[in-house]
C-alpha cells in the first residue's frame, strides 16, 4: 500500500513520510504496476482485492479510501476482460439475489442480457451530436466553448472528447454498457489500436450512469510507455497533480518482456451499491471519510 511512486491511475495521491528511510511515500492509487510486474515474472494470472486511496472529492460515488478488485491475465486483451466482466457480474448477481435482474432507483437492470458496446466517439456523437472523427483540435475547442465545456489550454482533442463524454453521455448509460476505444491522451497505460493509434484498446463499464469497471489491453511497448510517462510528467510540471509519475522499475520490467495482457479494475463498493439499491457510497462503507464535528 505504501509506494515510492504514485502510479497506476490518474488521481491525486495521499502523501506521507517514512521516518527511518527519510523519504516521501504515497498511499497507492492502484496496485496496477506491481501486479503487471508479477505477470512479467511469470505469474500468468494475478488478482488482488485491496484498499486504494485517492486524495480527491467526496460525493455519493466517491470516497477517498475504497476497495478495488484488480486482475490481470497474460495472453488476452480488453475483449477477454469484457467477457470476464460480463460473466462475473451475471454470476455474482445470481448468487447474491437469486436473479440476474436488479432494481436500482427507478431503473430495472438485467445482467443476463448481452452488454452493449459503444465507442467513446460514437457515444458523444449519439448524445451530444458532435462527431470528433470529422473535427480538428481548433474546431473541437470552438464547439466546447459554445457548449460551455470547461477545458485547459494544454488539453488535446482526446482530453476534450472525454469531457464531452462525461457531460453529455454518461448519464444515459443505464443498461450495462462497455464504452470502448478511449483516446490515448487519457489512457497512459493502455495499448494503442493498431489501425487507429490516436485511440486505445480500453473500456469502462457503465451501469446506471456510473462507471463500475475500467480495463484495457496493457501497453507492453517500453518505448511507447516511456513516451507516455514523459507526457504525464510534463502535465505534472504544468500543475496537474493527478498525472501519473514515471516508474523506472516498471519500465525496466517491461523491457525484459510483458506478454500481451488484459487487465481490469472493479470498484467493489460501487458494485455493492447496485446490488443493494443504495443511493450513496456512504451507505455501503462502515466508516466513510467524513469531517469530524
C-alpha atoms as a PDB file:
ATOM      1  CA  UNK A   1       0.000   0.000   0.000  1.00  0.00           C
ATOM      2  CA  UNK A   2       2.940   2.328   0.678  1.00  0.00           C
ATOM      3  CA  UNK A   3       4.675   3.174  -2.583  1.00  0.00           C
ATOM      4  CA  UNK A   4       7.625   5.327  -3.591  1.00  0.00           C
ATOM      5  CA  UNK A   5       5.745   6.469  -6.725  1.00  0.00           C
ATOM      6  CA  UNK A   6       2.047   7.271  -7.112  1.00  0.00           C
ATOM      7  CA  UNK A   7       1.230   5.275 -10.221  1.00  0.00           C
ATOM      8  CA  UNK A   8      -1.340   3.044 -11.855  1.00  0.00           C
ATOM      9  CA  UNK A   9      -4.125   5.587 -12.029  1.00  0.00           C
ATOM     10  CA  UNK A  10      -4.983   9.167 -12.897  1.00  0.00           C
ATOM     11  CA  UNK A  11      -5.647  10.715  -9.492  1.00  0.00           C
ATOM     12  CA  UNK A  12      -4.168  12.992  -6.853  1.00  0.00           C
ATOM     13  CA  UNK A  13      -2.371  10.840  -4.253  1.00  0.00           C
ATOM     14  CA  UNK A  14      -2.086  10.982  -0.482  1.00  0.00           C
ATOM     15  CA  UNK A  15       1.482  11.739   0.644  1.00  0.00           C
ATOM     16  CA  UNK A  16       3.214  10.515   3.773  1.00  0.00           C
ATOM     17  CA  UNK A  17       6.760  10.361   5.177  1.00  0.00           C
ATOM     18  CA  UNK A  18       8.858   7.331   6.071  1.00  0.00           C
ATOM     19  CA  UNK A  19      10.934   8.388   9.096  1.00  0.00           C
ATOM     20  CA  UNK A  20      13.525   5.589   9.025  1.00  0.00           C
ATOM     21  CA  UNK A  21      14.225   5.805   5.300  1.00  0.00           C
ATOM     22  CA  UNK A  22      13.830   9.591   5.363  1.00  0.00           C
ATOM     23  CA  UNK A  23      11.800   9.684   2.162  1.00  0.00           C
ATOM     24  CA  UNK A  24       8.434  10.789   0.884  1.00  0.00           C
ATOM     25  CA  UNK A  25       5.998   7.994   0.090  1.00  0.00           C
ATOM     26  CA  UNK A  26       2.465   7.687  -1.247  1.00  0.00           C
ATOM     27  CA  UNK A  27      -0.609   5.643  -0.438  1.00  0.00           C
ATOM     28  CA  UNK A  28      -1.288   3.625  -3.547  1.00  0.00           C
ATOM     29  CA  UNK A  29      -3.770   4.839  -6.138  1.00  0.00           C
ATOM     30  CA  UNK A  30      -3.965   1.320  -7.560  1.00  0.00           C
ATOM     31  CA  UNK A  31      -1.952  -1.947  -7.383  1.00  0.00           C
ATOM     32  CA  UNK A  32      -1.654  -1.997 -11.184  1.00  0.00           C
ATOM     33  CA  UNK A  33       2.059  -1.548 -11.823  1.00  0.00           C
ATOM     34  CA  UNK A  34       3.073  -4.068  -9.153  1.00  0.00           C
ATOM     35  CA  UNK A  35       0.653  -6.705 -10.436  1.00  0.00           C
ATOM     36  CA  UNK A  36       1.875  -6.286 -14.011  1.00  0.00           C
ATOM     37  CA  UNK A  37       5.441  -6.810 -12.804  1.00  0.00           C
ATOM     38  CA  UNK A  38       4.249 -10.174 -11.452  1.00  0.00           C
ATOM     39  CA  UNK A  39       2.989 -11.002 -14.955  1.00  0.00           C
ATOM     40  CA  UNK A  40       6.492 -10.187 -16.242  1.00  0.00           C
ATOM     41  CA  UNK A  41       7.846 -12.538 -13.564  1.00  0.00           C
ATOM     42  CA  UNK A  42       5.866 -15.461 -14.961  1.00  0.00           C
ATOM     43  CA  UNK A  43       2.611 -15.468 -12.980  1.00  0.00           C
ATOM     44  CA  UNK A  44       0.133 -15.538 -15.863  1.00  0.00           C
ATOM     45  CA  UNK A  45      -2.986 -14.769 -13.811  1.00  0.00           C
ATOM     46  CA  UNK A  46      -2.952 -12.468 -10.786  1.00  0.00           C
ATOM     47  CA  UNK A  47      -5.536 -10.533  -8.819  1.00  0.00           C
ATOM     48  CA  UNK A  48      -5.855  -8.525  -5.630  1.00  0.00           C
ATOM     49  CA  UNK A  49      -8.804  -7.226  -3.640  1.00  0.00           C
ATOM     50  CA  UNK A  50      -7.480  -4.378  -1.553  1.00  0.00           C
ATOM     51  CA  UNK A  51      -7.669  -0.798  -0.349  1.00  0.00           C
ATOM     52  CA  UNK A  52      -6.749   2.093  -2.618  1.00  0.00           C
ATOM     53  CA  UNK A  53      -6.576   5.799  -1.841  1.00  0.00           C
ATOM     54  CA  UNK A  54      -7.258   8.867  -3.950  1.00  0.00           C
ATOM     55  CA  UNK A  55      -6.981  12.362  -2.487  1.00  0.00           C
ATOM     56  CA  UNK A  56      -9.910  13.856  -4.354  1.00  0.00           C
ATOM     57  CA  UNK A  57     -13.540  14.886  -3.980  1.00  0.00           C
ATOM     58  CA  UNK A  58     -16.147  13.171  -1.828  1.00  0.00           C
ATOM     59  CA  UNK A  59     -19.561  12.501  -3.363  1.00  0.00           C
ATOM     60  CA  UNK A  60     -22.293   9.891  -3.486  1.00  0.00           C
ATOM     61  CA  UNK A  61     -19.978   7.891  -5.776  1.00  0.00           C
ATOM     62  CA  UNK A  62     -16.549   8.760  -4.355  1.00  0.00           C
ATOM     63  CA  UNK A  63     -14.783   8.024  -1.071  1.00  0.00           C
ATOM     64  CA  UNK A  64     -11.055   8.778  -0.713  1.00  0.00           C
ATOM     65  CA  UNK A  65     -10.470   5.251   0.651  1.00  0.00           C
ATOM     66  CA  UNK A  66     -12.100   2.473  -1.335  1.00  0.00           C
ATOM     67  CA  UNK A  67     -11.964  -1.245  -2.086  1.00  0.00           C
ATOM     68  CA  UNK A  68     -10.994  -2.443  -5.549  1.00  0.00           C
ATOM     69  CA  UNK A  69     -10.593  -5.749  -7.341  1.00  0.00           C
ATOM     70  CA  UNK A  70      -7.773  -5.700  -9.886  1.00  0.00           C
ATOM     71  CA  UNK A  71      -6.977  -8.671 -12.108  1.00  0.00           C
ATOM     72  CA  UNK A  72      -4.524  -9.339 -14.929  1.00  0.00           C
ATOM     73  CA  UNK A  73      -4.265 -12.233 -17.365  1.00  0.00           C
ATOM     74  CA  UNK A  74      -1.489 -12.892 -19.851  1.00  0.00           C
ATOM     75  CA  UNK A  75      -2.228 -13.690 -23.495  1.00  0.00           C
ATOM     76  CA  UNK A  76      -5.581 -11.929 -23.659  1.00  0.00           C
ATOM     77  CA  UNK A  77      -6.772  -8.358 -24.260  1.00  0.00           C
ATOM     78  CA  UNK A  78      -9.638  -5.980 -23.481  1.00  0.00           C
ATOM     79  CA  UNK A  79     -12.074  -8.244 -25.312  1.00  0.00           C
ATOM     80  CA  UNK A  80     -11.169 -11.003 -22.866  1.00  0.00           C
ATOM     81  CA  UNK A  81     -11.714  -8.602 -19.972  1.00  0.00           C
ATOM     82  CA  UNK A  82     -15.193  -7.766 -21.315  1.00  0.00           C
ATOM     83  CA  UNK A  83     -16.052 -11.468 -21.283  1.00  0.00           C
ATOM     84  CA  UNK A  84     -14.817 -11.811 -17.688  1.00  0.00           C
ATOM     85  CA  UNK A  85     -16.706  -8.701 -16.540  1.00  0.00           C
ATOM     86  CA  UNK A  86     -19.962  -9.790 -18.144  1.00  0.00           C
ATOM     87  CA  UNK A  87     -19.847 -13.350 -16.822  1.00  0.00           C
ATOM     88  CA  UNK A  88     -18.674 -12.225 -13.367  1.00  0.00           C
ATOM     89  CA  UNK A  89     -21.471  -9.695 -12.864  1.00  0.00           C
ATOM     90  CA  UNK A  90     -24.088 -12.161 -14.070  1.00  0.00           C
ATOM     91  CA  UNK A  91     -22.758 -14.877 -11.728  1.00  0.00           C
ATOM     92  CA  UNK A  92     -22.414 -12.600  -8.681  1.00  0.00           C
ATOM     93  CA  UNK A  93     -25.905 -11.155  -9.141  1.00  0.00           C
ATOM     94  CA  UNK A  94     -27.468 -14.609  -9.446  1.00  0.00           C
ATOM     95  CA  UNK A  95     -25.672 -15.903  -6.345  1.00  0.00           C
ATOM     96  CA  UNK A  96     -26.432 -12.846  -4.200  1.00  0.00           C
ATOM     97  CA  UNK A  97     -30.000 -12.088  -5.317  1.00  0.00           C
ATOM     98  CA  UNK A  98     -31.135 -15.316  -6.978  1.00  0.00           C
ATOM     99  CA  UNK A  99     -31.797 -13.479 -10.247  1.00  0.00           C
ATOM    100  CA  UNK A 100     -29.915 -11.552 -12.913  1.00  0.00           C
ATOM    101  CA  UNK A 101     -32.367  -8.643 -12.619  1.00  0.00           C
ATOM    102  CA  UNK A 102     -31.886  -5.811 -10.159  1.00  0.00           C
ATOM    103  CA  UNK A 103     -33.759  -2.631  -9.355  1.00  0.00           C
ATOM    104  CA  UNK A 104     -31.632   0.452  -8.916  1.00  0.00           C
ATOM    105  CA  UNK A 105     -33.586   3.594  -8.150  1.00  0.00           C
ATOM    106  CA  UNK A 106     -36.221   3.870 -10.852  1.00  0.00           C
ATOM    107  CA  UNK A 107     -34.397   1.548 -13.233  1.00  0.00           C
ATOM    108  CA  UNK A 108     -34.612  -2.206 -13.770  1.00  0.00           C
ATOM    109  CA  UNK A 109     -31.303  -3.646 -14.976  1.00  0.00           C
ATOM    110  CA  UNK A 110     -30.801  -7.171 -16.310  1.00  0.00           C
ATOM    111  CA  UNK A 111     -27.288  -8.603 -16.120  1.00  0.00           C
ATOM    112  CA  UNK A 112     -28.478 -11.648 -18.037  1.00  0.00           C
ATOM    113  CA  UNK A 113     -28.713  -9.720 -21.309  1.00  0.00           C
ATOM    114  CA  UNK A 114     -25.642  -9.110 -23.502  1.00  0.00           C
ATOM    115  CA  UNK A 115     -23.904  -5.873 -22.537  1.00  0.00           C
ATOM    116  CA  UNK A 116     -23.895  -3.114 -25.148  1.00  0.00           C
ATOM    117  CA  UNK A 117     -20.583  -1.988 -26.671  1.00  0.00           C
ATOM    118  CA  UNK A 118     -20.191   1.628 -27.748  1.00  0.00           C
ATOM    119  CA  UNK A 119     -17.069   3.592 -28.635  1.00  0.00           C
ATOM    120  CA  UNK A 120     -16.489   6.878 -26.824  1.00  0.00           C
ATOM    121  CA  UNK A 121     -16.585   8.739 -30.162  1.00  0.00           C
ATOM    122  CA  UNK A 122     -19.927   7.137 -31.051  1.00  0.00           C
ATOM    123  CA  UNK A 123     -21.328   7.861 -27.578  1.00  0.00           C
ATOM    124  CA  UNK A 124     -20.519  11.577 -27.945  1.00  0.00           C
ATOM    125  CA  UNK A 125     -21.890  11.569 -31.481  1.00  0.00           C
ATOM    126  CA  UNK A 126     -25.108   9.953 -30.230  1.00  0.00           C
ATOM    127  CA  UNK A 127     -25.738  12.092 -27.149  1.00  0.00           C
ATOM    128  CA  UNK A 128     -24.006  15.398 -27.973  1.00  0.00           C
ATOM    129  CA  UNK A 129     -24.418  15.355 -31.761  1.00  0.00           C
ATOM    130  CA  UNK A 130     -20.710  16.098 -32.218  1.00  0.00           C
ATOM    131  CA  UNK A 131     -18.579  13.867 -34.463  1.00  0.00           C
ATOM    132  CA  UNK A 132     -14.975  14.075 -33.240  1.00  0.00           C
ATOM    133  CA  UNK A 133     -13.760  11.995 -36.175  1.00  0.00           C
ATOM    134  CA  UNK A 134     -14.564  14.889 -38.507  1.00  0.00           C
ATOM    135  CA  UNK A 135     -13.065  17.721 -36.426  1.00  0.00           C
ATOM    136  CA  UNK A 136      -9.573  19.046 -35.734  1.00  0.00           C
ATOM    137  CA  UNK A 137      -8.426  20.442 -32.381  1.00  0.00           C
ATOM    138  CA  UNK A 138      -9.330  24.075 -33.150  1.00  0.00           C
ATOM    139  CA  UNK A 139     -12.854  23.141 -34.216  1.00  0.00           C
ATOM    140  CA  UNK A 140     -13.291  20.960 -31.116  1.00  0.00           C
ATOM    141  CA  UNK A 141     -12.254  23.830 -28.842  1.00  0.00           C
ATOM    142  CA  UNK A 142     -14.696  26.233 -30.510  1.00  0.00           C
ATOM    143  CA  UNK A 143     -17.580  23.769 -30.088  1.00  0.00           C
ATOM    144  CA  UNK A 144     -16.556  23.168 -26.465  1.00  0.00           C
ATOM    145  CA  UNK A 145     -16.706  26.907 -25.783  1.00  0.00           C
ATOM    146  CA  UNK A 146     -20.125  27.139 -27.437  1.00  0.00           C
ATOM    147  CA  UNK A 147     -21.412  24.265 -25.298  1.00  0.00           C
ATOM    148  CA  UNK A 148     -19.792  25.710 -22.145  1.00  0.00           C
ATOM    149  CA  UNK A 149     -17.425  22.773 -21.637  1.00  0.00           C
ATOM    150  CA  UNK A 150     -14.520  23.952 -19.492  1.00  0.00           C
ATOM    151  CA  UNK A 151     -11.101  22.780 -20.663  1.00  0.00           C
ATOM    152  CA  UNK A 152      -7.454  23.688 -20.112  1.00  0.00           C
ATOM    153  CA  UNK A 153      -5.340  25.253 -22.847  1.00  0.00           C
ATOM    154  CA  UNK A 154      -2.951  22.290 -22.812  1.00  0.00           C
ATOM    155  CA  UNK A 155      -5.816  19.854 -23.445  1.00  0.00           C
ATOM    156  CA  UNK A 156      -5.663  17.925 -26.686  1.00  0.00           C
ATOM    157  CA  UNK A 157      -8.505  16.552 -28.778  1.00  0.00           C
ATOM    158  CA  UNK A 158      -8.747  13.334 -26.774  1.00  0.00           C
ATOM    159  CA  UNK A 159      -8.923  15.188 -23.460  1.00  0.00           C
ATOM    160  CA  UNK A 160     -11.844  17.267 -24.713  1.00  0.00           C
ATOM    161  CA  UNK A 161     -13.590  14.177 -26.104  1.00  0.00           C
ATOM    162  CA  UNK A 162     -13.516  12.742 -22.580  1.00  0.00           C
ATOM    163  CA  UNK A 163     -15.014  15.959 -21.169  1.00  0.00           C
ATOM    164  CA  UNK A 164     -17.831  15.800 -23.733  1.00  0.00           C
ATOM    165  CA  UNK A 165     -18.482  12.171 -22.829  1.00  0.00           C
ATOM    166  CA  UNK A 166     -18.698  12.978 -19.112  1.00  0.00           C
ATOM    167  CA  UNK A 167     -21.041  15.904 -19.705  1.00  0.00           C
ATOM    168  CA  UNK A 168     -23.406  14.503 -22.316  1.00  0.00           C
ATOM    169  CA  UNK A 169     -23.230  10.697 -22.463  1.00  0.00           C
ATOM    170  CA  UNK A 170     -22.561   9.138 -19.042  1.00  0.00           C
ATOM    171  CA  UNK A 171     -25.984   9.809 -17.540  1.00  0.00           C
ATOM    172  CA  UNK A 172     -27.743   7.999 -20.401  1.00  0.00           C
ATOM    173  CA  UNK A 173     -25.883   4.698 -19.974  1.00  0.00           C
ATOM    174  CA  UNK A 174     -28.336   2.860 -17.712  1.00  0.00           C
ATOM    175  CA  UNK A 175     -28.155  -0.709 -19.072  1.00  0.00           C
ATOM    176  CA  UNK A 176     -24.670  -2.254 -18.717  1.00  0.00           C
ATOM    177  CA  UNK A 177     -22.547  -0.684 -21.464  1.00  0.00           C
ATOM    178  CA  UNK A 178     -18.887  -1.131 -22.357  1.00  0.00           C
ATOM    179  CA  UNK A 179     -17.635   2.269 -23.529  1.00  0.00           C
ATOM    180  CA  UNK A 180     -14.640   1.240 -25.628  1.00  0.00           C
ATOM    181  CA  UNK A 181     -11.715   2.791 -27.522  1.00  0.00           C
ATOM    182  CA  UNK A 182     -10.659   5.716 -25.323  1.00  0.00           C
ATOM    183  CA  UNK A 183      -8.295   8.436 -26.578  1.00  0.00           C
ATOM    184  CA  UNK A 184      -4.594   7.919 -25.894  1.00  0.00           C
ATOM    185  CA  UNK A 185      -4.298  11.236 -24.014  1.00  0.00           C
ATOM    186  CA  UNK A 186      -6.334   9.885 -21.071  1.00  0.00           C
ATOM    187  CA  UNK A 187      -5.016   6.297 -21.226  1.00  0.00           C
ATOM    188  CA  UNK A 188      -1.270   6.359 -20.424  1.00  0.00           C
ATOM    189  CA  UNK A 189      -1.049   2.617 -19.664  1.00  0.00           C
ATOM    190  CA  UNK A 190      -3.250   1.205 -22.463  1.00  0.00           C
ATOM    191  CA  UNK A 191      -2.170  -0.258 -25.807  1.00  0.00           C
ATOM    192  CA  UNK A 192      -2.951   1.738 -28.946  1.00  0.00           C
ATOM    193  CA  UNK A 193      -5.435   0.406 -31.505  1.00  0.00           C
ATOM    194  CA  UNK A 194      -3.140  -0.717 -34.378  1.00  0.00           C
ATOM    195  CA  UNK A 195      -5.157   0.853 -37.202  1.00  0.00           C
ATOM    196  CA  UNK A 196      -6.262   3.903 -35.169  1.00  0.00           C
ATOM    197  CA  UNK A 197      -3.313   4.913 -32.922  1.00  0.00           C
ATOM    198  CA  UNK A 198      -4.995   8.042 -31.525  1.00  0.00           C
ATOM    199  CA  UNK A 199      -7.209   5.662 -29.523  1.00  0.00           C
ATOM    200  CA  UNK A 200      -6.521   2.748 -27.183  1.00  0.00           C
ATOM    201  CA  UNK A 201      -7.881  -0.720 -26.507  1.00  0.00           C
ATOM    202  CA  UNK A 202      -9.611   0.375 -23.331  1.00  0.00           C
ATOM    203  CA  UNK A 203     -13.122   0.227 -21.930  1.00  0.00           C
ATOM    204  CA  UNK A 204     -15.058   1.498 -18.956  1.00  0.00           C
ATOM    205  CA  UNK A 205     -18.201  -0.358 -17.916  1.00  0.00           C
ATOM    206  CA  UNK A 206     -21.116   1.957 -17.149  1.00  0.00           C
ATOM    207  CA  UNK A 207     -24.211   0.825 -15.250  1.00  0.00           C
ATOM    208  CA  UNK A 208     -26.973   3.177 -14.105  1.00  0.00           C
ATOM    209  CA  UNK A 209     -24.983   6.116 -15.455  1.00  0.00           C
ATOM    210  CA  UNK A 210     -21.919   5.310 -13.341  1.00  0.00           C
ATOM    211  CA  UNK A 211     -18.520   3.801 -14.034  1.00  0.00           C
ATOM    212  CA  UNK A 212     -18.196   0.370 -12.420  1.00  0.00           C
ATOM    213  CA  UNK A 213     -15.094  -1.083 -14.097  1.00  0.00           C
ATOM    214  CA  UNK A 214     -12.076   0.103 -16.068  1.00  0.00           C
ATOM    215  CA  UNK A 215      -9.955  -2.187 -18.251  1.00  0.00           C
ATOM    216  CA  UNK A 216      -7.603  -2.323 -21.190  1.00  0.00           C
ATOM    217  CA  UNK A 217      -5.108  -4.230 -23.252  1.00  0.00           C
ATOM    218  CA  UNK A 218      -1.943  -3.434 -21.323  1.00  0.00           C
ATOM    219  CA  UNK A 219       0.708  -1.342 -23.033  1.00  0.00           C
ATOM    220  CA  UNK A 220       3.776  -3.606 -23.296  1.00  0.00           C
ATOM    221  CA  UNK A 221       5.937  -1.481 -25.611  1.00  0.00           C
ATOM    222  CA  UNK A 222       8.598   0.083 -23.326  1.00  0.00           C
ATOM    223  CA  UNK A 223       9.468   2.830 -25.832  1.00  0.00           C
ATOM    224  CA  UNK A 224       5.844   3.954 -26.154  1.00  0.00           C
ATOM    225  CA  UNK A 225       5.364   3.614 -22.375  1.00  0.00           C
ATOM    226  CA  UNK A 226       8.360   5.827 -21.649  1.00  0.00           C
ATOM    227  CA  UNK A 227       6.970   8.441 -24.054  1.00  0.00           C
ATOM    228  CA  UNK A 228       3.583   8.305 -22.295  1.00  0.00           C
ATOM    229  CA  UNK A 229       5.224   8.705 -18.889  1.00  0.00           C
ATOM    230  CA  UNK A 230       7.190  11.682 -20.211  1.00  0.00           C
ATOM    231  CA  UNK A 231       3.947  13.347 -21.312  1.00  0.00           C
ATOM    232  CA  UNK A 232       2.437  12.693 -17.874  1.00  0.00           C
ATOM    233  CA  UNK A 233       5.491  14.255 -16.200  1.00  0.00           C
ATOM    234  CA  UNK A 234       5.059  17.326 -18.400  1.00  0.00           C
ATOM    235  CA  UNK A 235       1.462  17.567 -17.215  1.00  0.00           C
ATOM    236  CA  UNK A 236       2.618  17.315 -13.587  1.00  0.00           C
ATOM    237  CA  UNK A 237       5.179  20.055 -14.185  1.00  0.00           C
ATOM    238  CA  UNK A 238       2.405  22.279 -15.536  1.00  0.00           C
ATOM    239  CA  UNK A 239       0.401  21.795 -12.324  1.00  0.00           C
ATOM    240  CA  UNK A 240      -1.693  18.674 -12.957  1.00  0.00           C
ATOM    241  CA  UNK A 241      -1.446  16.815  -9.625  1.00  0.00           C
ATOM    242  CA  UNK A 242      -3.436  13.856 -10.976  1.00  0.00           C
ATOM    243  CA  UNK A 243      -0.977  12.996 -13.740  1.00  0.00           C
ATOM    244  CA  UNK A 244       0.944   9.722 -13.465  1.00  0.00           C
ATOM    245  CA  UNK A 245       4.578   9.638 -12.330  1.00  0.00           C
ATOM    246  CA  UNK A 246       7.282   7.824 -14.298  1.00  0.00           C
ATOM    247  CA  UNK A 247       8.111   4.409 -12.832  1.00  0.00           C
ATOM    248  CA  UNK A 248      11.600   3.278 -13.837  1.00  0.00           C
ATOM    249  CA  UNK A 249      11.211  -0.129 -12.145  1.00  0.00           C
ATOM    250  CA  UNK A 250       8.112  -0.815 -14.204  1.00  0.00           C
ATOM    251  CA  UNK A 251       9.815   0.355 -17.404  1.00  0.00           C
ATOM    252  CA  UNK A 252      12.737  -1.977 -16.689  1.00  0.00           C
ATOM    253  CA  UNK A 253      10.305  -4.853 -16.137  1.00  0.00           C
ATOM    254  CA  UNK A 254       8.519  -4.434 -19.464  1.00  0.00           C
ATOM    255  CA  UNK A 255      11.877  -4.046 -21.209  1.00  0.00           C
ATOM    256  CA  UNK A 256      12.532  -7.637 -20.114  1.00  0.00           C
ATOM    257  CA  UNK A 257       9.155  -8.523 -21.632  1.00  0.00           C
ATOM    258  CA  UNK A 258       5.496  -8.121 -20.687  1.00  0.00           C
ATOM    259  CA  UNK A 259       3.411 -10.601 -22.697  1.00  0.00           C
ATOM    260  CA  UNK A 260       0.161  -9.447 -24.300  1.00  0.00           C
ATOM    261  CA  UNK A 261      -2.009  -8.892 -21.237  1.00  0.00           C
ATOM    262  CA  UNK A 262      -5.521  -7.807 -20.341  1.00  0.00           C
ATOM    263  CA  UNK A 263      -6.216  -6.057 -17.048  1.00  0.00           C
ATOM    264  CA  UNK A 264      -9.277  -4.766 -15.220  1.00  0.00           C
ATOM    265  CA  UNK A 265     -10.247  -2.919 -12.046  1.00  0.00           C
ATOM    266  CA  UNK A 266     -13.719  -3.093 -10.480  1.00  0.00           C
ATOM    267  CA  UNK A 267     -14.916  -0.826  -7.674  1.00  0.00           C
ATOM    268  CA  UNK A 268     -16.334  -3.168  -5.033  1.00  0.00           C
ATOM    269  CA  UNK A 269     -18.394  -0.527  -3.220  1.00  0.00           C
ATOM    270  CA  UNK A 270     -19.997   0.657  -6.463  1.00  0.00           C
ATOM    271  CA  UNK A 271     -20.971  -2.934  -7.231  1.00  0.00           C
ATOM    272  CA  UNK A 272     -22.437  -3.318  -3.740  1.00  0.00           C
ATOM    273  CA  UNK A 273     -24.375  -0.084  -4.261  1.00  0.00           C
ATOM    274  CA  UNK A 274     -26.017  -1.621  -7.319  1.00  0.00           C
ATOM    275  CA  UNK A 275     -26.880  -4.914  -5.648  1.00  0.00           C
ATOM    276  CA  UNK A 276     -28.318  -3.234  -2.527  1.00  0.00           C
ATOM    277  CA  UNK A 277     -30.070  -0.354  -4.332  1.00  0.00           C
ATOM    278  CA  UNK A 278     -28.044   2.177  -2.325  1.00  0.00           C
ATOM    279  CA  UNK A 279     -28.018   5.777  -3.489  1.00  0.00           C
ATOM    280  CA  UNK A 280     -24.744   6.757  -1.786  1.00  0.00           C
ATOM    281  CA  UNK A 281     -21.400   5.042  -1.370  1.00  0.00           C
ATOM    282  CA  UNK A 282     -21.530   6.055   2.310  1.00  0.00           C
ATOM    283  CA  UNK A 283     -24.399   3.587   2.744  1.00  0.00           C
ATOM    284  CA  UNK A 284     -22.138   0.617   1.935  1.00  0.00           C
ATOM    285  CA  UNK A 285     -18.958   1.646   3.826  1.00  0.00           C
ATOM    286  CA  UNK A 286     -18.781   1.059   7.577  1.00  0.00           C
ATOM    287  CA  UNK A 287     -16.695   4.158   8.325  1.00  0.00           C
ATOM    288  CA  UNK A 288     -16.822   6.563   5.368  1.00  0.00           C
ATOM    289  CA  UNK A 289     -14.418   9.506   5.312  1.00  0.00           C
ATOM    290  CA  UNK A 290     -16.183  12.490   6.863  1.00  0.00           C
ATOM    291  CA  UNK A 291     -15.167  15.713   8.535  1.00  0.00           C
ATOM    292  CA  UNK A 292     -15.489  15.423  12.351  1.00  0.00           C
ATOM    293  CA  UNK A 293     -17.666  17.824  14.321  1.00  0.00           C
END
